């Protein structure tokens, strides 16, 4: 009797697992290596994804959407913007490894593509983060989302380069006061 497979769930499982592989081996990983590490055939991957670029794009979209959805679910409708920013930073701290891997992948993708984003994978990713921030903080401008993304990227990079550094409430307080001046 043939095995019944929920195609959507199976594809999401492949996307979830592949993020770790892309993060560990970089954008240059081959479909064959992905298939081997995922314990599936290359035919299975080509059944779900047209090529490696499609697989990578869908992986990045899936894991980013999952993390955005998770953080948004933690925020209550009556929270102030300060409470929302605080929750965002707590989430980033709790998922620091994911955000470091995401940064590595973005940089590796740019390096492999001669410092460009030919399929707008990264641009779409950044836009989705900006939209989520803009919606949660009810901001009409790009200034607030850009500032938050810059702060987060700087924090992640600093933690990679200086592992003794820590984000504490003092830094978050300073950041929130900076936000007040532009929002």
N, C-alpha and C. Protein backbone atom coordinates (compact mmCIF):
# COMPACT_ATOMS: atom_id res chain seq x y z
N UNK A 1 0.84 -1.17 0.00
CA UNK A 1 0.00 0.00 0.00
C UNK A 1 0.89 1.24 0.00
N UNK A 2 0.63 2.19 -0.90
CA UNK A 2 1.49 3.38 -0.97
C UNK A 2 1.37 4.25 0.28
N UNK A 3 2.48 4.85 0.59
CA UNK A 3 2.53 5.74 1.75
C UNK A 3 1.84 7.06 1.40
N UNK A 4 0.95 7.52 2.29
CA UNK A 4 0.25 8.78 2.07
C UNK A 4 1.10 9.90 2.67
N UNK A 5 1.42 10.86 1.83
CA UNK A 5 2.29 11.96 2.24
C UNK A 5 1.54 13.28 2.07
N UNK A 6 1.52 14.06 3.12
CA UNK A 6 0.98 15.41 3.01
C UNK A 6 2.07 16.26 2.37
N UNK A 7 1.87 16.61 1.11
CA UNK A 7 2.91 17.30 0.34
C UNK A 7 3.32 18.63 0.97
N UNK A 8 2.36 19.36 1.49
CA UNK A 8 2.68 20.66 2.09
C UNK A 8 3.54 20.48 3.34
N UNK A 9 3.14 19.57 4.21
CA UNK A 9 3.92 19.33 5.43
C UNK A 9 5.31 18.80 5.10
N UNK A 10 5.39 17.90 4.12
CA UNK A 10 6.69 17.33 3.76
C UNK A 10 7.60 18.42 3.18
N UNK A 11 7.05 19.28 2.33
CA UNK A 11 7.85 20.37 1.76
C UNK A 11 8.33 21.30 2.87
N UNK A 12 7.45 21.63 3.83
CA UNK A 12 7.85 22.49 4.94
C UNK A 12 8.94 21.84 5.79
N UNK A 13 8.87 20.54 5.95
CA UNK A 13 9.91 19.81 6.69
C UNK A 13 11.24 19.92 5.96
N UNK A 14 11.22 19.78 4.64
CA UNK A 14 12.44 19.93 3.84
C UNK A 14 12.99 21.35 3.97
N UNK A 15 12.11 22.34 3.91
CA UNK A 15 12.55 23.73 4.02
C UNK A 15 13.16 24.02 5.38
N UNK A 16 12.52 23.52 6.43
CA UNK A 16 13.02 23.73 7.80
C UNK A 16 14.42 23.13 7.97
N UNK A 17 14.58 21.89 7.53
CA UNK A 17 15.87 21.21 7.68
C UNK A 17 16.94 21.82 6.78
N UNK A 18 16.55 22.30 5.61
CA UNK A 18 17.54 22.81 4.67
C UNK A 18 18.17 24.11 5.15
N UNK A 19 17.45 24.90 5.95
CA UNK A 19 18.04 26.14 6.44
C UNK A 19 19.33 25.85 7.20
N UNK A 20 19.30 24.85 8.06
CA UNK A 20 20.50 24.49 8.83
C UNK A 20 21.63 24.07 7.90
N UNK A 21 21.30 23.35 6.83
CA UNK A 21 22.32 22.90 5.88
C UNK A 21 22.90 24.08 5.11
N UNK A 22 22.04 24.95 4.61
CA UNK A 22 22.53 26.14 3.92
C UNK A 22 23.41 26.96 4.87
N UNK A 23 22.99 27.09 6.11
CA UNK A 23 23.76 27.87 7.08
C UNK A 23 25.11 27.23 7.36
N UNK A 24 25.14 25.91 7.48
CA UNK A 24 26.38 25.21 7.81
C UNK A 24 27.33 25.14 6.62
N UNK A 25 26.80 24.89 5.43
CA UNK A 25 27.67 24.67 4.27
C UNK A 25 27.73 25.85 3.31
N UNK A 26 26.86 26.83 3.49
CA UNK A 26 26.89 28.00 2.63
C UNK A 26 26.04 27.84 1.38
N UNK A 27 25.91 28.94 0.67
CA UNK A 27 25.08 28.97 -0.53
C UNK A 27 25.61 28.06 -1.62
N UNK A 28 26.89 27.76 -1.60
CA UNK A 28 27.48 26.94 -2.65
C UNK A 28 27.15 25.45 -2.52
N UNK A 29 26.43 25.05 -1.49
CA UNK A 29 26.03 23.65 -1.33
C UNK A 29 25.28 23.20 -2.58
N UNK A 30 25.49 21.97 -2.99
CA UNK A 30 24.84 21.46 -4.20
C UNK A 30 23.53 20.75 -3.85
N UNK A 31 22.70 20.55 -4.85
CA UNK A 31 21.45 19.80 -4.66
C UNK A 31 21.78 18.39 -4.19
N UNK A 32 22.82 17.80 -4.73
CA UNK A 32 23.21 16.43 -4.33
C UNK A 32 23.57 16.39 -2.84
N UNK A 33 24.35 17.38 -2.38
CA UNK A 33 24.71 17.44 -0.96
C UNK A 33 23.47 17.65 -0.09
N UNK A 34 22.58 18.54 -0.54
CA UNK A 34 21.34 18.77 0.20
C UNK A 34 20.54 17.47 0.30
N UNK A 35 20.40 16.78 -0.82
CA UNK A 35 19.63 15.53 -0.84
C UNK A 35 20.25 14.50 0.10
N UNK A 36 21.56 14.36 0.05
CA UNK A 36 22.24 13.39 0.91
C UNK A 36 22.01 13.73 2.38
N UNK A 37 22.22 14.99 2.74
CA UNK A 37 22.07 15.39 4.14
C UNK A 37 20.62 15.36 4.62
N UNK A 38 19.68 15.50 3.69
CA UNK A 38 18.26 15.43 4.04
C UNK A 38 17.72 14.00 3.96
N UNK A 39 18.58 13.07 3.52
CA UNK A 39 18.22 11.65 3.36
C UNK A 39 17.05 11.47 2.39
N UNK A 40 17.13 12.20 1.28
CA UNK A 40 16.15 12.05 0.20
C UNK A 40 16.91 11.96 -1.12
N UNK A 41 16.21 11.62 -2.18
CA UNK A 41 16.85 11.58 -3.49
C UNK A 41 16.87 12.98 -4.10
N UNK A 42 17.76 13.17 -5.07
CA UNK A 42 17.75 14.45 -5.78
C UNK A 42 16.43 14.61 -6.52
N UNK A 43 15.86 13.51 -6.98
CA UNK A 43 14.55 13.55 -7.65
C UNK A 43 13.47 14.12 -6.75
N UNK A 44 13.53 13.76 -5.47
CA UNK A 44 12.55 14.31 -4.52
C UNK A 44 12.69 15.82 -4.43
N UNK A 45 13.92 16.30 -4.35
CA UNK A 45 14.12 17.75 -4.26
C UNK A 45 13.65 18.45 -5.54
N UNK A 46 13.97 17.85 -6.70
CA UNK A 46 13.53 18.46 -7.96
C UNK A 46 12.02 18.36 -8.14
N UNK A 47 11.39 17.43 -7.46
CA UNK A 47 9.93 17.34 -7.50
C UNK A 47 9.30 18.56 -6.82
N UNK A 48 9.94 19.01 -5.73
CA UNK A 48 9.40 20.13 -4.96
C UNK A 48 9.98 21.48 -5.37
N UNK A 49 11.19 21.48 -5.92
CA UNK A 49 11.88 22.73 -6.22
C UNK A 49 12.50 22.64 -7.61
N UNK A 50 12.34 23.69 -8.39
CA UNK A 50 12.84 23.71 -9.76
C UNK A 50 14.36 23.59 -9.83
N UNK A 51 15.06 24.28 -8.93
CA UNK A 51 16.52 24.27 -8.90
C UNK A 51 16.98 24.73 -7.52
N UNK A 52 18.28 24.82 -7.34
CA UNK A 52 18.81 25.20 -6.03
C UNK A 52 18.40 26.62 -5.66
N UNK A 53 18.37 27.52 -6.63
CA UNK A 53 18.00 28.90 -6.34
C UNK A 53 16.57 28.99 -5.82
N UNK A 54 15.67 28.22 -6.43
CA UNK A 54 14.28 28.18 -5.97
C UNK A 54 14.22 27.59 -4.56
N UNK A 55 14.97 26.53 -4.34
CA UNK A 55 15.02 25.88 -3.03
C UNK A 55 15.52 26.87 -1.98
N UNK A 56 16.59 27.58 -2.30
CA UNK A 56 17.15 28.57 -1.38
C UNK A 56 16.14 29.68 -1.09
N UNK A 57 15.54 30.23 -2.15
CA UNK A 57 14.56 31.31 -1.98
C UNK A 57 13.40 30.87 -1.10
N UNK A 58 12.85 29.69 -1.38
CA UNK A 58 11.72 29.21 -0.59
C UNK A 58 12.13 28.90 0.85
N UNK A 59 13.36 28.43 1.04
CA UNK A 59 13.85 28.18 2.40
C UNK A 59 13.93 29.48 3.18
N UNK A 60 14.53 30.50 2.57
CA UNK A 60 14.67 31.79 3.25
C UNK A 60 13.30 32.39 3.56
N UNK A 61 12.39 32.31 2.60
CA UNK A 61 11.03 32.85 2.82
C UNK A 61 10.32 32.09 3.93
N UNK A 62 10.44 30.77 3.93
CA UNK A 62 9.74 29.94 4.91
C UNK A 62 10.22 30.22 6.33
N UNK A 63 11.54 30.16 6.54
CA UNK A 63 12.04 30.34 7.91
C UNK A 63 11.83 31.78 8.39
N UNK A 64 11.95 32.74 7.50
CA UNK A 64 11.72 34.13 7.90
C UNK A 64 10.26 34.36 8.26
N UNK A 65 9.36 33.85 7.44
CA UNK A 65 7.93 33.98 7.72
C UNK A 65 7.58 33.31 9.05
N UNK A 66 8.18 32.15 9.29
CA UNK A 66 7.93 31.42 10.53
C UNK A 66 8.37 32.25 11.74
N UNK A 67 9.55 32.86 11.66
CA UNK A 67 10.04 33.66 12.78
C UNK A 67 9.22 34.95 12.96
N UNK A 68 8.86 35.59 11.86
CA UNK A 68 8.02 36.79 11.96
C UNK A 68 6.68 36.43 12.59
N UNK A 69 6.07 35.35 12.12
CA UNK A 69 4.77 34.93 12.69
C UNK A 69 4.89 34.62 14.17
N UNK A 70 5.97 33.97 14.57
CA UNK A 70 6.16 33.62 15.98
C UNK A 70 6.27 34.86 16.85
N UNK A 71 7.09 35.83 16.43
CA UNK A 71 7.24 37.03 17.25
C UNK A 71 5.95 37.83 17.28
N UNK A 72 5.22 37.88 16.18
CA UNK A 72 3.97 38.64 16.15
C UNK A 72 2.92 38.01 17.06
N UNK A 73 2.93 36.70 17.17
CA UNK A 73 1.97 36.01 18.05
C UNK A 73 2.22 36.32 19.52
N UNK A 74 3.45 36.68 19.87
CA UNK A 74 3.76 36.98 21.27
C UNK A 74 3.31 38.37 21.68
N UNK A 75 3.07 39.23 20.69
CA UNK A 75 2.73 40.62 20.98
C UNK A 75 1.22 40.78 21.15
N UNK A 76 0.84 41.40 22.23
CA UNK A 76 -0.58 41.64 22.50
C UNK A 76 -1.04 42.94 21.84
N UNK A 77 -2.29 43.01 21.41
CA UNK A 77 -2.78 44.19 20.71
C UNK A 77 -2.67 45.50 21.50
N UNK A 78 -2.77 45.42 22.82
CA UNK A 78 -2.75 46.65 23.62
C UNK A 78 -1.35 47.06 24.07
N UNK A 79 -0.33 46.37 23.60
CA UNK A 79 1.04 46.72 23.98
C UNK A 79 1.44 48.05 23.37
N UNK A 80 2.30 48.76 24.11
CA UNK A 80 2.88 49.99 23.58
C UNK A 80 4.01 49.63 22.62
N UNK A 81 4.46 50.62 21.85
CA UNK A 81 5.59 50.38 20.95
C UNK A 81 6.84 49.98 21.73
N UNK A 82 7.02 50.56 22.91
CA UNK A 82 8.18 50.19 23.74
C UNK A 82 8.13 48.71 24.11
N UNK A 83 6.96 48.23 24.48
CA UNK A 83 6.82 46.82 24.84
C UNK A 83 7.05 45.93 23.62
N UNK A 84 6.63 46.39 22.46
CA UNK A 84 6.84 45.61 21.23
C UNK A 84 8.33 45.53 20.88
N UNK A 85 9.02 46.66 21.01
CA UNK A 85 10.47 46.67 20.74
C UNK A 85 11.18 45.77 21.74
N UNK A 86 10.79 45.85 23.00
CA UNK A 86 11.38 45.00 24.04
C UNK A 86 11.18 43.52 23.69
N UNK A 87 9.97 43.15 23.27
CA UNK A 87 9.68 41.76 22.91
C UNK A 87 10.50 41.33 21.70
N UNK A 88 10.68 42.23 20.75
CA UNK A 88 11.48 41.92 19.57
C UNK A 88 12.91 41.59 19.97
N UNK A 89 13.50 42.42 20.82
CA UNK A 89 14.89 42.18 21.23
C UNK A 89 15.02 40.91 22.07
N UNK A 90 14.05 40.65 22.90
CA UNK A 90 14.09 39.39 23.67
C UNK A 90 14.03 38.19 22.73
N UNK A 91 13.20 38.29 21.70
CA UNK A 91 13.10 37.19 20.73
C UNK A 91 14.42 37.01 19.99
N UNK A 92 15.03 38.11 19.60
CA UNK A 92 16.32 38.03 18.90
C UNK A 92 17.37 37.38 19.79
N UNK A 93 17.40 37.76 21.05
CA UNK A 93 18.36 37.16 21.97
C UNK A 93 18.12 35.66 22.14
N UNK A 94 16.86 35.27 22.22
CA UNK A 94 16.54 33.85 22.39
C UNK A 94 16.83 33.04 21.12
N UNK A 95 16.88 33.71 19.98
CA UNK A 95 17.09 33.04 18.70
C UNK A 95 18.33 33.58 17.99
N UNK A 96 19.31 33.94 18.79
CA UNK A 96 20.51 34.58 18.26
C UNK A 96 21.21 33.72 17.20
N UNK A 97 21.29 32.42 17.42
CA UNK A 97 21.96 31.55 16.46
C UNK A 97 21.26 31.58 15.10
N UNK A 98 19.94 31.56 15.10
CA UNK A 98 19.19 31.65 13.84
C UNK A 98 19.55 32.95 13.12
N UNK A 99 19.55 34.08 13.83
CA UNK A 99 19.82 35.36 13.19
C UNK A 99 21.28 35.46 12.72
N UNK A 100 22.20 34.83 13.45
CA UNK A 100 23.59 34.78 12.98
C UNK A 100 23.67 33.96 11.69
N UNK A 101 23.01 32.81 11.67
CA UNK A 101 23.00 31.97 10.47
C UNK A 101 22.36 32.71 9.29
N UNK A 102 21.30 33.43 9.55
CA UNK A 102 20.65 34.20 8.50
C UNK A 102 21.61 35.24 7.93
N UNK A 103 22.33 35.93 8.81
CA UNK A 103 23.30 36.93 8.35
C UNK A 103 24.41 36.27 7.54
N UNK A 104 24.94 35.14 8.01
CA UNK A 104 25.96 34.41 7.25
C UNK A 104 25.45 34.04 5.86
N UNK A 105 24.23 33.54 5.79
CA UNK A 105 23.66 33.13 4.50
C UNK A 105 23.48 34.31 3.56
N UNK A 106 23.00 35.41 4.09
CA UNK A 106 22.81 36.60 3.26
C UNK A 106 24.15 37.06 2.69
N UNK A 107 25.16 37.14 3.54
CA UNK A 107 26.49 37.57 3.09
C UNK A 107 27.08 36.58 2.10
N UNK A 108 26.93 35.29 2.36
CA UNK A 108 27.45 34.27 1.45
C UNK A 108 26.73 34.32 0.11
N UNK A 109 25.43 34.51 0.14
CA UNK A 109 24.65 34.62 -1.10
C UNK A 109 25.15 35.81 -1.92
N UNK A 110 25.36 36.95 -1.28
CA UNK A 110 25.88 38.12 -1.99
C UNK A 110 27.27 37.84 -2.55
N UNK A 111 28.11 37.21 -1.76
CA UNK A 111 29.47 36.90 -2.21
C UNK A 111 29.44 35.99 -3.43
N UNK A 112 28.61 34.96 -3.39
CA UNK A 112 28.51 34.01 -4.50
C UNK A 112 27.89 34.63 -5.75
N UNK A 113 27.16 35.71 -5.59
CA UNK A 113 26.50 36.37 -6.72
C UNK A 113 27.12 37.72 -7.04
N UNK A 114 28.42 37.84 -6.80
CA UNK A 114 29.17 39.06 -7.12
C UNK A 114 28.51 40.32 -6.54
N UNK A 115 28.18 40.25 -5.27
CA UNK A 115 27.61 41.37 -4.51
C UNK A 115 26.29 41.88 -5.10
N UNK A 116 25.52 40.96 -5.64
CA UNK A 116 24.20 41.36 -6.14
C UNK A 116 23.14 40.37 -5.65
N UNK A 117 21.91 40.73 -5.88
CA UNK A 117 20.76 39.92 -5.47
C UNK A 117 19.91 39.69 -6.72
N UNK A 118 20.39 38.82 -7.64
CA UNK A 118 19.76 38.70 -8.96
C UNK A 118 18.28 38.33 -8.94
N UNK A 119 17.84 37.60 -7.96
CA UNK A 119 16.44 37.19 -7.90
C UNK A 119 15.66 37.95 -6.82
N UNK A 120 16.26 39.00 -6.28
CA UNK A 120 15.64 39.81 -5.23
C UNK A 120 15.24 39.00 -4.00
N UNK A 121 15.94 37.93 -3.74
CA UNK A 121 15.64 37.08 -2.58
C UNK A 121 15.83 37.87 -1.29
N UNK A 122 16.97 38.52 -1.18
CA UNK A 122 17.29 39.24 0.05
C UNK A 122 16.44 40.51 0.15
N UNK A 123 16.25 41.19 -0.97
CA UNK A 123 15.41 42.40 -0.95
C UNK A 123 14.00 42.07 -0.48
N UNK A 124 13.44 40.96 -0.95
CA UNK A 124 12.10 40.55 -0.52
C UNK A 124 12.08 40.19 0.96
N UNK A 125 13.14 39.55 1.42
CA UNK A 125 13.26 39.19 2.83
C UNK A 125 13.28 40.44 3.71
N UNK A 126 14.12 41.39 3.35
CA UNK A 126 14.23 42.64 4.11
C UNK A 126 12.89 43.39 4.07
N UNK A 127 12.25 43.40 2.93
CA UNK A 127 10.94 44.07 2.81
C UNK A 127 9.91 43.45 3.74
N UNK A 128 9.93 42.13 3.85
CA UNK A 128 8.96 41.48 4.74
C UNK A 128 9.22 41.84 6.20
N UNK A 129 10.51 41.93 6.58
CA UNK A 129 10.84 42.35 7.95
C UNK A 129 10.41 43.81 8.17
N UNK A 130 10.70 44.67 7.20
CA UNK A 130 10.32 46.08 7.33
C UNK A 130 8.81 46.23 7.47
N UNK A 131 8.07 45.50 6.65
CA UNK A 131 6.60 45.59 6.71
C UNK A 131 6.07 45.13 8.06
N UNK A 132 6.64 44.06 8.59
CA UNK A 132 6.19 43.57 9.90
C UNK A 132 6.47 44.61 10.98
N UNK A 133 7.66 45.21 10.94
CA UNK A 133 8.02 46.24 11.93
C UNK A 133 7.11 47.45 11.76
N UNK A 134 6.94 47.89 10.52
CA UNK A 134 6.10 49.05 10.24
C UNK A 134 4.67 48.82 10.75
N UNK A 135 4.12 47.65 10.49
CA UNK A 135 2.76 47.34 10.93
C UNK A 135 2.65 47.27 12.45
N UNK A 136 3.61 46.64 13.09
CA UNK A 136 3.54 46.49 14.55
C UNK A 136 3.73 47.81 15.28
N UNK A 137 4.57 48.66 14.74
CA UNK A 137 4.84 49.94 15.40
C UNK A 137 3.99 51.07 14.81
N UNK A 138 3.13 50.71 13.90
CA UNK A 138 2.22 51.67 13.25
C UNK A 138 2.99 52.89 12.75
N UNK A 139 4.02 52.60 11.98
CA UNK A 139 4.88 53.65 11.43
C UNK A 139 4.61 53.77 9.93
N UNK A 140 4.51 55.01 9.46
CA UNK A 140 4.29 55.24 8.03
C UNK A 140 5.59 55.36 7.25
N UNK A 141 6.67 55.62 7.94
CA UNK A 141 7.94 55.85 7.25
C UNK A 141 8.83 54.61 7.30
N UNK A 142 9.89 54.67 6.50
CA UNK A 142 10.89 53.60 6.51
C UNK A 142 11.96 53.85 7.57
N UNK A 143 11.99 55.03 8.17
CA UNK A 143 13.05 55.37 9.11
C UNK A 143 13.10 54.41 10.30
N UNK A 144 11.94 54.14 10.89
CA UNK A 144 11.91 53.27 12.08
C UNK A 144 12.31 51.84 11.73
N UNK A 145 11.70 51.22 10.71
CA UNK A 145 12.13 49.86 10.36
C UNK A 145 13.61 49.80 9.98
N UNK A 146 14.09 50.80 9.23
CA UNK A 146 15.51 50.82 8.85
C UNK A 146 16.41 50.90 10.08
N UNK A 147 16.04 51.75 11.03
CA UNK A 147 16.84 51.89 12.25
C UNK A 147 16.85 50.59 13.05
N UNK A 148 15.70 49.96 13.18
CA UNK A 148 15.64 48.70 13.94
C UNK A 148 16.46 47.62 13.25
N UNK A 149 16.32 47.49 11.93
CA UNK A 149 17.08 46.47 11.21
C UNK A 149 18.58 46.76 11.31
N UNK A 150 18.97 48.02 11.20
CA UNK A 150 20.39 48.38 11.34
C UNK A 150 20.92 48.02 12.72
N UNK A 151 20.13 48.33 13.75
CA UNK A 151 20.53 48.01 15.12
C UNK A 151 20.67 46.50 15.30
N UNK A 152 19.71 45.75 14.79
CA UNK A 152 19.74 44.29 14.93
C UNK A 152 20.94 43.70 14.19
N UNK A 153 21.18 44.15 12.95
CA UNK A 153 22.34 43.66 12.20
C UNK A 153 23.64 44.01 12.92
N UNK A 154 23.73 45.22 13.43
CA UNK A 154 24.92 45.63 14.18
C UNK A 154 25.11 44.79 15.43
N UNK A 155 24.03 44.52 16.13
CA UNK A 155 24.10 43.70 17.33
C UNK A 155 24.58 42.29 16.99
N UNK A 156 24.00 41.69 15.95
CA UNK A 156 24.38 40.33 15.56
C UNK A 156 25.85 40.28 15.17
N UNK A 157 26.28 41.25 14.37
CA UNK A 157 27.68 41.30 13.94
C UNK A 157 28.61 41.52 15.13
N UNK A 158 28.24 42.41 16.03
CA UNK A 158 29.08 42.65 17.21
C UNK A 158 29.21 41.38 18.04
N UNK A 159 28.12 40.65 18.22
CA UNK A 159 28.15 39.42 19.01
C UNK A 159 29.01 38.36 18.32
N UNK A 160 29.04 38.35 17.00
CA UNK A 160 29.90 37.40 16.29
C UNK A 160 31.37 37.75 16.48
N UNK A 161 31.68 39.02 16.42
CA UNK A 161 33.06 39.47 16.52
C UNK A 161 33.56 39.57 17.95
N UNK A 162 32.67 39.90 18.87
CA UNK A 162 33.02 40.07 20.28
C UNK A 162 32.03 39.28 21.12
N UNK A 163 32.32 38.00 21.31
CA UNK A 163 31.36 37.11 21.97
C UNK A 163 31.18 37.42 23.46
N UNK A 164 32.05 38.26 24.01
CA UNK A 164 31.88 38.67 25.40
C UNK A 164 30.86 39.80 25.54
N UNK A 165 30.53 40.44 24.41
CA UNK A 165 29.56 41.54 24.49
C UNK A 165 28.17 40.99 24.74
N UNK A 166 27.38 41.77 25.44
CA UNK A 166 26.03 41.35 25.78
C UNK A 166 25.08 42.50 25.54
N UNK A 167 23.88 42.16 25.10
CA UNK A 167 22.85 43.18 25.03
C UNK A 167 22.17 43.20 26.39
N UNK A 168 22.08 44.38 26.97
CA UNK A 168 21.40 44.47 28.25
C UNK A 168 20.29 45.51 28.16
N UNK A 169 19.55 45.65 29.24
CA UNK A 169 18.43 46.58 29.24
C UNK A 169 18.87 48.01 29.02
N UNK A 170 20.09 48.33 29.42
CA UNK A 170 20.60 49.69 29.20
C UNK A 170 20.68 50.02 27.72
N UNK A 171 21.20 49.09 26.93
CA UNK A 171 21.29 49.31 25.49
C UNK A 171 19.90 49.41 24.86
N UNK A 172 18.99 48.56 25.31
CA UNK A 172 17.63 48.59 24.78
C UNK A 172 16.97 49.92 25.14
N UNK A 173 17.21 50.41 26.35
CA UNK A 173 16.65 51.69 26.78
C UNK A 173 17.18 52.83 25.91
N UNK A 174 18.49 52.83 25.66
CA UNK A 174 19.08 53.86 24.79
C UNK A 174 18.48 53.77 23.40
N UNK A 175 18.35 52.56 22.90
CA UNK A 175 17.78 52.38 21.56
C UNK A 175 16.33 52.89 21.52
N UNK A 176 15.56 52.55 22.53
CA UNK A 176 14.16 53.00 22.56
C UNK A 176 14.07 54.53 22.61
N UNK A 177 14.99 55.17 23.32
CA UNK A 177 14.97 56.64 23.36
C UNK A 177 15.35 57.22 21.99
N UNK A 178 16.24 56.54 21.27
CA UNK A 178 16.57 56.96 19.90
C UNK A 178 15.33 56.85 19.02
N UNK A 179 14.59 55.77 19.18
CA UNK A 179 13.38 55.56 18.39
C UNK A 179 12.36 56.67 18.63
N UNK A 180 12.24 57.10 19.87
CA UNK A 180 11.26 58.14 20.20
C UNK A 180 11.55 59.43 19.45
N UNK A 181 12.83 59.71 19.19
CA UNK A 181 13.17 60.97 18.53
C UNK A 181 12.78 60.98 17.06
N UNK A 182 12.63 59.79 16.45
CA UNK A 182 12.28 59.78 15.02
C UNK A 182 10.87 59.29 14.76
N UNK A 183 10.20 58.75 15.75
CA UNK A 183 8.85 58.24 15.47
C UNK A 183 7.77 59.22 15.84
